[in-house]
C-alpha atoms as a PDB file:
ATOM      1  CA  MET A   1      84.945 154.524 175.695  1.00  0.00           C
ATOM      2  CA  VAL A   2      86.581 153.182 178.862  1.00  0.00           C
ATOM      3  CA  ILE A   3      87.622 149.551 179.170  1.00  0.00           C
ATOM      4  CA  GLN A   4      88.067 148.212 182.689  1.00  0.00           C
ATOM      5  CA  GLY A   5      90.711 145.523 182.698  1.00  0.00           C
ATOM      6  CA  ASP A   6      94.403 144.756 182.502  1.00  0.00           C
ATOM      7  CA  ALA A   7      96.127 146.877 179.867  1.00  0.00           C
ATOM      8  CA  LEU A   8      97.715 143.985 177.995  1.00  0.00           C
ATOM      9  CA  ASP A   9      94.598 141.813 178.035  1.00  0.00           C
ATOM     10  CA  SER A  10      92.451 144.732 176.870  1.00  0.00           C
ATOM     11  CA  LEU A  11      94.827 145.667 174.061  1.00  0.00           C
ATOM     12  CA  ARG A  12      94.741 142.119 172.694  1.00  0.00           C
ATOM     13  CA  ARG A  13      90.993 142.522 172.157  1.00  0.00           C
ATOM     14  CA  ILE A  14      91.317 145.739 170.092  1.00  0.00           C
ATOM     15  CA  PRO A  15      91.256 145.444 166.263  1.00  0.00           C
ATOM     16  CA  GLU A  16      94.455 145.974 164.280  1.00  0.00           C
ATOM     17  CA  GLU A  17      95.292 149.473 162.992  1.00  0.00           C
ATOM     18  CA  SER A  18      92.289 151.094 164.676  1.00  0.00           C
ATOM     19  CA  ILE A  19      94.138 153.684 166.810  1.00  0.00           C
ATOM     20  CA  HIS A  20      95.443 156.997 165.458  1.00  0.00           C
ATOM     21  CA  LEU A  21      97.415 158.231 168.482  1.00  0.00           C
ATOM     22  CA  THR A  22      98.549 156.787 171.796  1.00  0.00           C
ATOM     23  CA  PHE A  23      99.707 159.055 174.587  1.00  0.00           C
ATOM     24  CA  THR A  24     100.477 157.470 177.924  1.00  0.00           C
ATOM     25  CA  SER A  25     102.624 157.567 181.009  1.00  0.00           C
ATOM     26  CA  PRO A  26     103.346 154.012 182.162  1.00  0.00           C
ATOM     27  CA  PRO A  27     103.350 153.238 185.882  1.00  0.00           C
ATOM     28  CA  TYR A  28     106.736 154.127 187.347  1.00  0.00           C
ATOM     29  CA  TYR A  29     108.842 151.197 188.439  1.00  0.00           C
ATOM     30  CA  ASN A  30     108.246 150.490 192.157  1.00  0.00           C
ATOM     31  CA  ALA A  31     107.942 154.198 192.865  1.00  0.00           C
ATOM     32  CA  ARG A  32     104.301 154.385 193.938  1.00  0.00           C
ATOM     33  CA  ASP A  33     101.906 152.151 195.799  1.00  0.00           C
ATOM     34  CA  TYR A  34     100.057 151.152 192.606  1.00  0.00           C
ATOM     35  CA  SER A  35     103.123 149.941 190.645  1.00  0.00           C
ATOM     36  CA  THR A  36     105.151 147.182 192.283  1.00  0.00           C
ATOM     37  CA  TYR A  37     107.060 144.723 190.099  1.00  0.00           C
ATOM     38  CA  PRO A  38     109.320 141.794 191.070  1.00  0.00           C
ATOM     39  CA  SER A  39     112.300 143.164 189.111  1.00  0.00           C
ATOM     40  CA  TYR A  40     113.281 145.961 186.770  1.00  0.00           C
ATOM     41  CA  GLU A  41     113.700 143.513 183.886  1.00  0.00           C
ATOM     42  CA  PHE A  42     110.191 142.175 184.524  1.00  0.00           C
ATOM     43  CA  TYR A  43     108.909 145.770 184.419  1.00  0.00           C
ATOM     44  CA  LEU A  44     110.630 146.487 181.079  1.00  0.00           C
ATOM     45  CA  ASP A  45     109.368 143.201 179.646  1.00  0.00           C
ATOM     46  CA  PHE A  46     105.829 144.126 180.691  1.00  0.00           C
ATOM     47  CA  LEU A  47     106.070 147.533 179.013  1.00  0.00           C
ATOM     48  CA  SER A  48     107.532 145.912 175.891  1.00  0.00           C
ATOM     49  CA  ASP A  49     104.542 143.550 175.681  1.00  0.00           C
ATOM     50  CA  VAL A  50     102.137 146.477 176.060  1.00  0.00           C
ATOM     51  CA  PHE A  51     103.803 148.659 173.427  1.00  0.00           C
ATOM     52  CA  ARG A  52     104.079 145.736 171.031  1.00  0.00           C
ATOM     53  CA  GLU A  53     100.301 145.430 171.210  1.00  0.00           C
ATOM     54  CA  VAL A  54      99.964 149.212 170.836  1.00  0.00           C
ATOM     55  CA  HIS A  55     102.052 148.883 167.670  1.00  0.00           C
ATOM     56  CA  ARG A  56      99.649 146.254 166.336  1.00  0.00           C
ATOM     57  CA  VAL A  57      96.553 148.361 166.948  1.00  0.00           C
ATOM     58  CA  THR A  58      98.087 151.598 165.613  1.00  0.00           C
ATOM     59  CA  ALA A  59      97.226 152.682 162.086  1.00  0.00           C
ATOM     60  CA  ASP A  60      99.976 152.836 159.490  1.00  0.00           C
ATOM     61  CA  GLY A  61     102.357 155.732 160.087  1.00  0.00           C
ATOM     62  CA  ARG A  62     100.605 157.054 163.197  1.00  0.00           C
ATOM     63  CA  PHE A  63     102.078 158.113 166.520  1.00  0.00           C
ATOM     64  CA  LEU A  64     102.988 156.821 169.969  1.00  0.00           C
ATOM     65  CA  VAL A  65     103.971 159.397 172.590  1.00  0.00           C
ATOM     66  CA  VAL A  66     105.378 158.123 175.892  1.00  0.00           C
ATOM     67  CA  ASN A  67     105.953 160.196 179.017  1.00  0.00           C
ATOM     68  CA  THR A  68     108.567 158.721 181.357  1.00  0.00           C
ATOM     69  CA  SER A  69     111.466 159.828 183.489  1.00  0.00           C
ATOM     70  CA  PRO A  70     114.289 158.213 185.436  1.00  0.00           C
ATOM     71  CA  VAL A  71     112.935 157.033 188.762  1.00  0.00           C
ATOM     72  CA  ILE A  72     114.596 156.737 192.160  1.00  0.00           C
ATOM     73  CA  VAL A  73     113.884 153.779 194.400  1.00  0.00           C
ATOM     74  CA  PRO A  74     114.871 154.932 197.919  1.00  0.00           C
ATOM     75  CA  ARG A  75     117.593 153.177 199.839  1.00  0.00           C
ATOM     76  CA  ALA A  76     116.626 150.651 202.485  1.00  0.00           C
ATOM     77  CA  GLY A  77     118.758 152.391 205.129  1.00  0.00           C
ATOM     78  CA  ARG A  78     121.803 154.564 205.662  1.00  0.00           C
ATOM     79  CA  GLN A  79     124.117 151.646 204.936  1.00  0.00           C
ATOM     80  CA  HIS A  80     122.625 151.229 201.455  1.00  0.00           C
ATOM     81  CA  GLU A  81     122.513 153.260 198.258  1.00  0.00           C
ATOM     82  CA  SER A  82     119.374 154.376 196.503  1.00  0.00           C
ATOM     83  CA  HIS A  83     118.918 153.208 192.915  1.00  0.00           C
ATOM     84  CA  ARG A  84     118.019 155.397 189.950  1.00  0.00           C
ATOM     85  CA  PHE A  85     116.598 153.599 186.925  1.00  0.00           C
ATOM     86  CA  ALA A  86     116.884 155.241 183.488  1.00  0.00           C
ATOM     87  CA  ILE A  87     113.454 154.188 182.235  1.00  0.00           C
ATOM     88  CA  PRO A  88     113.254 156.326 179.044  1.00  0.00           C
ATOM     89  CA  PHE A  89     116.725 155.241 177.916  1.00  0.00           C
ATOM     90  CA  ASP A  90     116.187 151.558 178.693  1.00  0.00           C
ATOM     91  CA  LEU A  91     112.759 151.517 177.043  1.00  0.00           C
ATOM     92  CA  HIS A  92     113.849 153.353 173.880  1.00  0.00           C
ATOM     93  CA  PRO A  93     115.840 150.530 172.193  1.00  0.00           C
ATOM     94  CA  ARG A  94     113.035 148.095 172.873  1.00  0.00           C
ATOM     95  CA  LEU A  95     110.551 150.388 171.128  1.00  0.00           C
ATOM     96  CA  THR A  96     112.707 150.917 168.055  1.00  0.00           C
ATOM     97  CA  GLU A  97     113.390 147.189 167.760  1.00  0.00           C
ATOM     98  CA  MET A  98     109.661 146.418 167.629  1.00  0.00           C
ATOM     99  CA  GLY A  99     108.997 148.865 164.784  1.00  0.00           C
ATOM    100  CA  TRP A 100     108.577 152.317 166.309  1.00  0.00           C
ATOM    101  CA  LYS A 101     110.583 154.998 164.514  1.00  0.00           C
ATOM    102  CA  PHE A 102     112.041 157.625 166.836  1.00  0.00           C
ATOM    103  CA  ILE A 103     110.836 161.145 165.960  1.00  0.00           C
ATOM    104  CA  ASP A 104     111.442 163.561 168.854  1.00  0.00           C
ATOM    105  CA  ASP A 105     112.610 163.899 172.445  1.00  0.00           C
ATOM    106  CA  ILE A 106     110.535 166.583 174.132  1.00  0.00           C
ATOM    107  CA  ILE A 107     111.554 167.783 177.577  1.00  0.00           C
ATOM    108  CA  TRP A 108     108.726 168.550 179.962  1.00  0.00           C
ATOM    109  CA  LYS A 109     110.130 171.141 182.405  1.00  0.00           C
ATOM    110  CA  LYS A 110     108.374 171.767 185.691  1.00  0.00           C
ATOM    111  CA  PRO A 111     108.885 174.703 188.075  1.00  0.00           C
ATOM    112  CA  ASP A 112     111.893 174.385 190.383  1.00  0.00           C
ATOM    113  CA  GLY A 113     109.677 173.946 193.425  1.00  0.00           C
ATOM    114  CA  ALA A 114     107.999 170.899 191.902  1.00  0.00           C
ATOM    115  CA  ALA A 115     111.094 168.725 192.341  1.00  0.00           C
ATOM    116  CA  LYS A 116     111.685 166.506 195.327  1.00  0.00           C
ATOM    117  CA  PRO A 117     114.919 167.864 196.908  1.00  0.00           C
ATOM    118  CA  ARG A 118     117.955 165.659 196.297  1.00  0.00           C
ATOM    119  CA  ASN A 119     120.775 168.049 197.198  1.00  0.00           C
ATOM    120  CA  SER A 120     119.881 169.197 200.717  1.00  0.00           C
ATOM    121  CA  GLY A 121     122.937 167.447 202.156  1.00  0.00           C
ATOM    122  CA  PHE A 122     125.195 168.877 199.465  1.00  0.00           C
ATOM    123  CA  ALA A 123     123.852 172.365 200.198  1.00  0.00           C
ATOM    124  CA  VAL A 124     125.247 172.058 203.739  1.00  0.00           C
ATOM    125  CA  HIS A 125     128.757 170.669 203.147  1.00  0.00           C
ATOM    126  CA  ARG A 126     129.333 171.256 199.385  1.00  0.00           C
ATOM    127  CA  GLN A 127     131.596 168.226 199.111  1.00  0.00           C
ATOM    128  CA  PRO A 128     132.528 167.058 195.595  1.00  0.00           C
ATOM    129  CA  LEU A 129     131.221 163.630 194.530  1.00  0.00           C
ATOM    130  CA  THR A 130     128.011 164.102 196.516  1.00  0.00           C
ATOM    131  CA  TYR A 131     126.152 166.476 194.187  1.00  0.00           C
ATOM    132  CA  LYS A 132     122.739 165.327 192.928  1.00  0.00           C
ATOM    133  CA  ALA A 133     120.501 167.521 190.785  1.00  0.00           C
ATOM    134  CA  ASN A 134     116.865 168.134 191.609  1.00  0.00           C
ATOM    135  CA  ALA A 135     114.890 166.510 188.792  1.00  0.00           C
ATOM    136  CA  VAL A 136     112.563 169.101 187.249  1.00  0.00           C
ATOM    137  CA  THR A 137     112.185 167.413 183.843  1.00  0.00           C
ATOM    138  CA  GLU A 138     110.493 164.409 182.321  1.00  0.00           C
ATOM    139  CA  TYR A 139     110.766 162.992 178.813  1.00  0.00           C
ATOM    140  CA  VAL A 140     107.952 163.045 176.273  1.00  0.00           C
ATOM    141  CA  MET A 141     109.278 160.672 173.625  1.00  0.00           C
ATOM    142  CA  VAL A 142     107.615 160.707 170.213  1.00  0.00           C
ATOM    143  CA  TYR A 143     107.580 157.678 167.903  1.00  0.00           C
ATOM    144  CA  ARG A 144     105.883 156.906 164.598  1.00  0.00           C
ATOM    145  CA  LYS A 145     104.848 153.427 163.508  1.00  0.00           C
ATOM    146  CA  GLN A 146     107.313 152.574 160.767  1.00  0.00           C
ATOM    147  CA  SER A 147     105.802 152.901 157.307  1.00  0.00           C
ATOM    148  CA  HIS A 148     106.998 153.062 153.723  1.00  0.00           C
ATOM    149  CA  ARG A 149     104.591 155.993 153.297  1.00  0.00           C
ATOM    150  CA  LEU A 150     105.447 159.600 154.158  1.00  0.00           C
ATOM    151  CA  ILE A 151     103.368 161.799 156.472  1.00  0.00           C
ATOM    152  CA  ASP A 152     101.840 163.481 153.404  1.00  0.00           C
ATOM    153  CA  TRP A 153     100.053 160.199 152.660  1.00  0.00           C
ATOM    154  CA  ASN A 154      98.478 160.230 156.133  1.00  0.00           C
ATOM    155  CA  LEU A 155      97.323 163.815 155.631  1.00  0.00           C
ATOM    156  CA  ARG A 156      95.735 162.981 152.283  1.00  0.00           C
ATOM    157  CA  GLN A 157      93.463 160.420 153.963  1.00  0.00           C
ATOM    158  CA  TYR A 158      91.439 163.302 155.430  1.00  0.00           C
ATOM    159  CA  PRO A 159      89.021 165.602 153.600  1.00  0.00           C
ATOM    160  CA  THR A 160      90.013 169.251 153.367  1.00  0.00           C
ATOM    161  CA  GLU A 161      87.445 170.358 155.945  1.00  0.00           C
ATOM    162  CA  ILE A 162      88.934 168.026 158.612  1.00  0.00           C
ATOM    163  CA  ARG A 163      92.445 169.203 157.847  1.00  0.00           C
ATOM    164  CA  ASP A 164      91.322 172.811 158.109  1.00  0.00           C
ATOM    165  CA  VAL A 165      89.526 172.430 161.436  1.00  0.00           C
ATOM    166  CA  SER A 166      92.444 170.412 162.842  1.00  0.00           C
ATOM    167  CA  GLN A 167      95.032 173.082 162.052  1.00  0.00           C
ATOM    168  CA  VAL A 168      97.174 173.952 165.084  1.00  0.00           C
ATOM    169  CA  PRO A 169      96.418 177.533 166.224  1.00  0.00           C
ATOM    170  CA  ASP A 170      98.931 180.331 166.697  1.00  0.00           C
ATOM    171  CA  GLY A 171     101.006 180.231 169.853  1.00  0.00           C
ATOM    172  CA  TYR A 172     102.173 176.652 169.408  1.00  0.00           C
ATOM    173  CA  GLU A 173     105.399 175.522 171.087  1.00  0.00           C
ATOM    174  CA  SER A 174     108.249 175.620 168.566  1.00  0.00           C
ATOM    175  CA  THR A 175     110.955 174.086 170.764  1.00  0.00           C
ATOM    176  CA  ASN A 176     111.372 170.712 172.411  1.00  0.00           C
ATOM    177  CA  VAL A 177     111.277 172.216 175.914  1.00  0.00           C
ATOM    178  CA  TRP A 178     107.718 172.468 177.216  1.00  0.00           C
ATOM    179  CA  GLU A 179     107.321 174.398 180.455  1.00  0.00           C
ATOM    180  CA  ILE A 180     104.147 173.078 182.069  1.00  0.00           C
ATOM    181  CA  ASP A 181     103.136 172.978 185.730  1.00  0.00           C
ATOM    182  CA  PRO A 182     102.430 169.522 187.164  1.00  0.00           C
ATOM    183  CA  ALA A 183      98.862 168.529 188.007  1.00  0.00           C
ATOM    184  CA  HIS A 184      97.310 167.020 191.118  1.00  0.00           C
ATOM    185  CA  ASP A 185      94.278 164.836 191.629  1.00  0.00           C
ATOM    186  CA  ARG A 186      92.495 163.821 194.824  1.00  0.00           C
ATOM    187  CA  VAL A 187      92.355 160.157 193.778  1.00  0.00           C
ATOM    188  CA  HIS A 188      95.407 159.479 191.580  1.00  0.00           C
ATOM    189  CA  SER A 189      98.875 160.467 192.791  1.00  0.00           C
ATOM    190  CA  ALA A 190     100.458 160.860 189.323  1.00  0.00           C
ATOM    191  CA  VAL A 191      98.331 162.589 186.698  1.00  0.00           C
ATOM    192  CA  PHE A 192      98.898 164.283 183.354  1.00  0.00           C
ATOM    193  CA  PRO A 193      98.460 168.056 183.220  1.00  0.00           C
ATOM    194  CA  GLU A 194      95.574 168.688 180.834  1.00  0.00           C
ATOM    195  CA  SER A 195      97.668 171.223 178.910  1.00  0.00           C
ATOM    196  CA  LEU A 196     100.270 168.520 178.209  1.00  0.00           C
ATOM    197  CA  CYS A 197      97.580 166.218 176.815  1.00  0.00           C
ATOM    198  CA  GLU A 198      96.123 169.035 174.742  1.00  0.00           C
ATOM    199  CA  ARG A 199      99.458 169.780 173.084  1.00  0.00           C
ATOM    200  CA  VAL A 200     100.097 166.154 172.218  1.00  0.00           C
ATOM    201  CA  ILE A 201      96.582 165.664 170.851  1.00  0.00           C
ATOM    202  CA  ARG A 202      96.713 168.851 168.756  1.00  0.00           C
ATOM    203  CA  TYR A 203     100.180 168.133 167.332  1.00  0.00           C
ATOM    204  CA  TYR A 204      99.778 164.417 166.561  1.00  0.00           C
ATOM    205  CA  SER A 205      96.129 163.779 165.662  1.00  0.00           C
ATOM    206  CA  MET A 206      93.212 165.147 163.664  1.00  0.00           C
ATOM    207  CA  VAL A 207      89.641 165.984 164.653  1.00  0.00           C
ATOM    208  CA  GLY A 208      87.637 162.758 164.784  1.00  0.00           C
ATOM    209  CA  ASP A 209      90.674 160.524 165.381  1.00  0.00           C
ATOM    210  CA  LEU A 210      90.723 157.813 168.027  1.00  0.00           C
ATOM    211  CA  VAL A 211      93.295 158.397 170.781  1.00  0.00           C
ATOM    212  CA  LEU A 212      94.345 155.756 173.298  1.00  0.00           C
ATOM    213  CA  ASP A 213      95.773 155.702 176.807  1.00  0.00           C
ATOM    214  CA  PRO A 214      96.448 152.128 177.980  1.00  0.00           C
ATOM    215  CA  PHE A 215      97.286 153.376 181.508  1.00  0.00           C
ATOM    216  CA  ALA A 216      94.441 155.857 181.859  1.00  0.00           C
ATOM    217  CA  GLY A 217      94.628 156.638 185.577  1.00  0.00           C
ATOM    218  CA  SER A 218      92.245 159.521 186.260  1.00  0.00           C
ATOM    219  CA  GLY A 219      91.369 159.928 182.563  1.00  0.00           C
ATOM    220  CA  THR A 220      93.029 163.246 181.727  1.00  0.00           C
ATOM    221  CA  LEU A 221      93.675 162.211 178.119  1.00  0.00           C
ATOM    222  CA  GLY A 222      89.982 161.482 177.689  1.00  0.00           C
ATOM    223  CA  ALA A 223      89.000 164.884 179.077  1.00  0.00           C
ATOM    224  CA  ALA A 224      91.359 166.657 176.689  1.00  0.00           C
ATOM    225  CA  ALA A 225      90.220 164.512 173.756  1.00  0.00           C
ATOM    226  CA  GLN A 226      86.592 165.409 174.413  1.00  0.00           C
ATOM    227  CA  ARG A 227      87.361 169.124 174.317  1.00  0.00           C
ATOM    228  CA  LEU A 228      89.381 168.766 171.113  1.00  0.00           C
ATOM    229  CA  GLU A 229      86.729 166.663 169.336  1.00  0.00           C
ATOM    230  CA  ARG A 230      88.674 163.427 169.253  1.00  0.00           C
ATOM    231  CA  ASP A 231      87.292 160.041 170.215  1.00  0.00           C
ATOM    232  CA  PHE A 232      89.096 158.302 173.055  1.00  0.00           C
ATOM    233  CA  LEU A 233      89.735 154.818 174.346  1.00  0.00           C
ATOM    234  CA  LEU A 234      90.950 154.557 177.938  1.00  0.00           C
ATOM    235  CA  LEU A 235      92.162 151.345 179.550  1.00  0.00           C
ATOM    236  CA  GLU A 236      92.236 151.130 183.339  1.00  0.00           C
ATOM    237  CA  LEU A 237      92.252 148.257 185.796  1.00  0.00           C
ATOM    238  CA  LYS A 238      91.600 149.805 189.200  1.00  0.00           C
ATOM    239  CA  ALA A 239      87.994 150.428 190.206  1.00  0.00           C
ATOM    240  CA  GLU A 240      88.746 153.643 192.111  1.00  0.00           C
ATOM    241  CA  PHE A 241      90.345 155.164 189.019  1.00  0.00           C
ATOM    242  CA  ILE A 242      87.430 154.032 186.841  1.00  0.00           C
ATOM    243  CA  GLN A 243      85.100 155.837 189.213  1.00  0.00           C
ATOM    244  CA  ARG A 244      87.222 158.979 188.995  1.00  0.00           C
ATOM    245  CA  ILE A 245      87.153 158.817 185.173  1.00  0.00           C
ATOM    246  CA  GLN A 246      83.355 158.592 185.267  1.00  0.00           C
ATOM    247  CA  GLN A 247      83.181 161.617 187.559  1.00  0.00           C
ATOM    248  CA  ARG A 248      85.400 163.656 185.233  1.00  0.00           C
ATOM    249  CA  LEU A 249      83.996 162.633 181.874  1.00  0.00           C
ATOM    250  CA  GLY A 250      80.319 162.101 182.663  1.00  0.00           C
ATOM    251  CA  PHE A 251      78.333 160.566 179.819  1.00  0.00           C
ATOM    252  CA  GLY A 252      81.485 160.371 177.699  1.00  0.00           C
ATOM    253  CA  ALA A 253      82.893 157.662 179.961  1.00  0.00           C
ATOM    254  CA  ARG A 254      80.952 154.598 178.856  1.00  0.00           C
ATOM    255  CA  VAL A 255      82.628 151.766 180.777  1.00  0.00           C
ATOM    256  CA  ILE A 256      82.752 148.159 179.631  1.00  0.00           C
ATOM    257  CA  ALA A 257      84.686 145.186 180.950  1.00  0.00           C
ATOM    258  CA  ALA A 258      87.498 143.837 178.783  1.00  0.00           C
ATOM    259  CA  ALA A 259      85.728 140.460 178.504  1.00  0.00           C
ATOM    260  CA  GLU A 260      82.749 142.150 176.829  1.00  0.00           C
ATOM    261  CA  LEU A 261      84.927 142.859 173.774  1.00  0.00           C
ATOM    262  CA  ASP A 262      84.971 139.160 172.818  1.00  0.00           C
END
């Protein structure tokens, strides 16, 4: 299902403890034309409100996986400095305070050529103090809704046949460094690679589970969920992205307005 509406408003209409896994990449702070906020604190407060609602709708002991990275807001001119905001590190304490237990920090590594060059000036003059690394990584932070029950309890809620068919196949990634090429889409300028979604879905959900992306964009999580026999719930505000989701997912992308959930 796809809900067209504001993420926070839509989440408030979803029943408690109905979601088994959330995987999302929030809009980057003032880095793209679809994500402009009046201040960085306002941006963090907005994300906190969203993930507090995600916590409410998440089933006991189930997972939230968040893809973020530090973001650079370019300088206004040569007399000014650019600003780099440490989104994953600033968001982390807010998540743990609201009841998300930190589980893992996975590094998504992209090919060297995928990074926007930051050290072209340094390459010319090699002056100390001016070095800046090209950013080829993003963070995939894994959290579990705090519970007095262990993971074994969650597993026992499923019949044996579901556990068997959900088993992760050979060739799984055993380290916390995932080397995955970035993806591109003709409509959305920042999309998940499908292979990234597939790994997260396989590792943190079971066949038949309901997975959520409150910032659905072009709907990559939904496409991966369909292939892996999970149900999906995508939240998206912008009409052009809703149209792209419908193109990608076909009959699986039943779209309703947030107000219809009342």
